[in-house]
Amino acid sequence: MARLLATDHLGESCVICEQVKSTGIHLYTSFICAECEKGMLQTDTSDPKYKFYVEQLRKVTKPEIFS
């Protein structure tokens, strides 16, 4: 019989870095980890990483389809 530990289910997948993290914010149905949130807030629009954040955030506007 398999035992499930609480630590196996802690955290969510960040829509930006796509890693499982335990702290962050929810934007609609998406999760953004605290590290990515901080990075986005500190990134200037002229920084090349800004474009990466914008592209990743486009995932938030796409509704999930459940069949």
Protein backbone atom coordinates (compact mmCIF):
# COMPACT_ATOMS: atom_id res chain seq x y z
CA MET A 1 0.00 0.00 0.00
CA ALA A 2 1.46 3.36 -1.01
CA ARG A 3 1.54 6.09 1.59
CA LEU A 4 1.20 9.68 0.50
CA LEU A 5 3.07 12.24 2.54
CA ALA A 6 1.89 15.82 2.89
CA THR A 7 5.23 17.00 1.50
CA ASP A 8 4.45 15.25 -1.79
CA HIS A 9 1.63 17.70 -2.44
CA LEU A 10 3.10 20.98 -1.21
CA GLY A 11 3.66 23.67 -3.78
CA GLU A 12 2.33 24.53 -7.18
CA SER A 13 3.86 24.86 -10.62
CA CYS A 14 4.78 28.47 -11.41
CA VAL A 15 3.49 29.70 -14.78
CA ILE A 16 6.71 31.71 -15.26
CA CYS A 17 9.61 29.43 -14.24
CA GLU A 18 7.56 26.20 -14.46
CA GLN A 19 9.06 24.93 -11.19
CA VAL A 20 7.11 23.72 -8.17
CA LYS A 21 7.25 26.34 -5.42
CA SER A 22 5.41 26.70 -2.14
CA THR A 23 4.98 30.48 -1.91
CA GLY A 24 3.57 32.93 -4.40
CA ILE A 25 0.41 34.51 -5.71
CA HIS A 26 -2.55 33.35 -7.80
CA LEU A 27 -3.57 35.24 -10.92
CA TYR A 28 -6.88 33.83 -12.15
CA THR A 29 -6.22 30.09 -12.30
CA SER A 30 -2.42 30.46 -12.56
CA PHE A 31 0.26 30.49 -9.85
CA ILE A 32 3.29 32.82 -9.87
CA CYS A 33 6.01 32.01 -7.35
CA ALA A 34 7.38 34.71 -5.06
CA GLU A 35 10.78 34.70 -6.80
CA CYS A 36 9.27 35.31 -10.25
CA GLU A 37 6.91 37.95 -8.87
CA LYS A 38 9.87 39.80 -7.37
CA GLY A 39 11.87 39.42 -10.59
CA MET A 40 9.04 40.82 -12.70
CA LEU A 41 8.61 43.82 -10.44
CA GLN A 42 12.32 44.63 -10.55
CA THR A 43 12.83 44.12 -14.29
CA ASP A 44 13.05 47.21 -16.46
CA THR A 45 11.16 47.18 -19.76
CA SER A 46 14.47 47.55 -21.63
CA ASP A 47 15.86 44.36 -20.02
CA PRO A 48 15.79 41.30 -22.35
CA LYS A 49 14.23 39.26 -19.53
CA TYR A 50 11.15 41.52 -19.69
CA LYS A 51 10.13 39.92 -22.99
CA PHE A 52 10.44 36.46 -21.38
CA TYR A 53 8.11 37.48 -18.55
CA VAL A 54 5.56 38.89 -21.02
CA GLU A 55 5.61 35.69 -23.08
CA GLN A 56 5.15 33.51 -19.99
CA LEU A 57 2.31 35.71 -18.71
CA ARG A 58 0.42 35.14 -21.97
CA LYS A 59 -0.32 31.64 -20.63
CA VAL A 60 -2.48 33.23 -17.94
CA THR A 61 -5.01 34.56 -20.46
CA LYS A 62 -5.46 31.17 -22.15
CA PRO A 63 -8.32 29.34 -20.44
CA GLU A 64 -7.71 25.72 -19.55
CA ILE A 65 -9.86 23.25 -21.45
CA PHE A 66 -11.08 20.26 -19.50
CA SER A 67 -12.58 17.37 -21.40
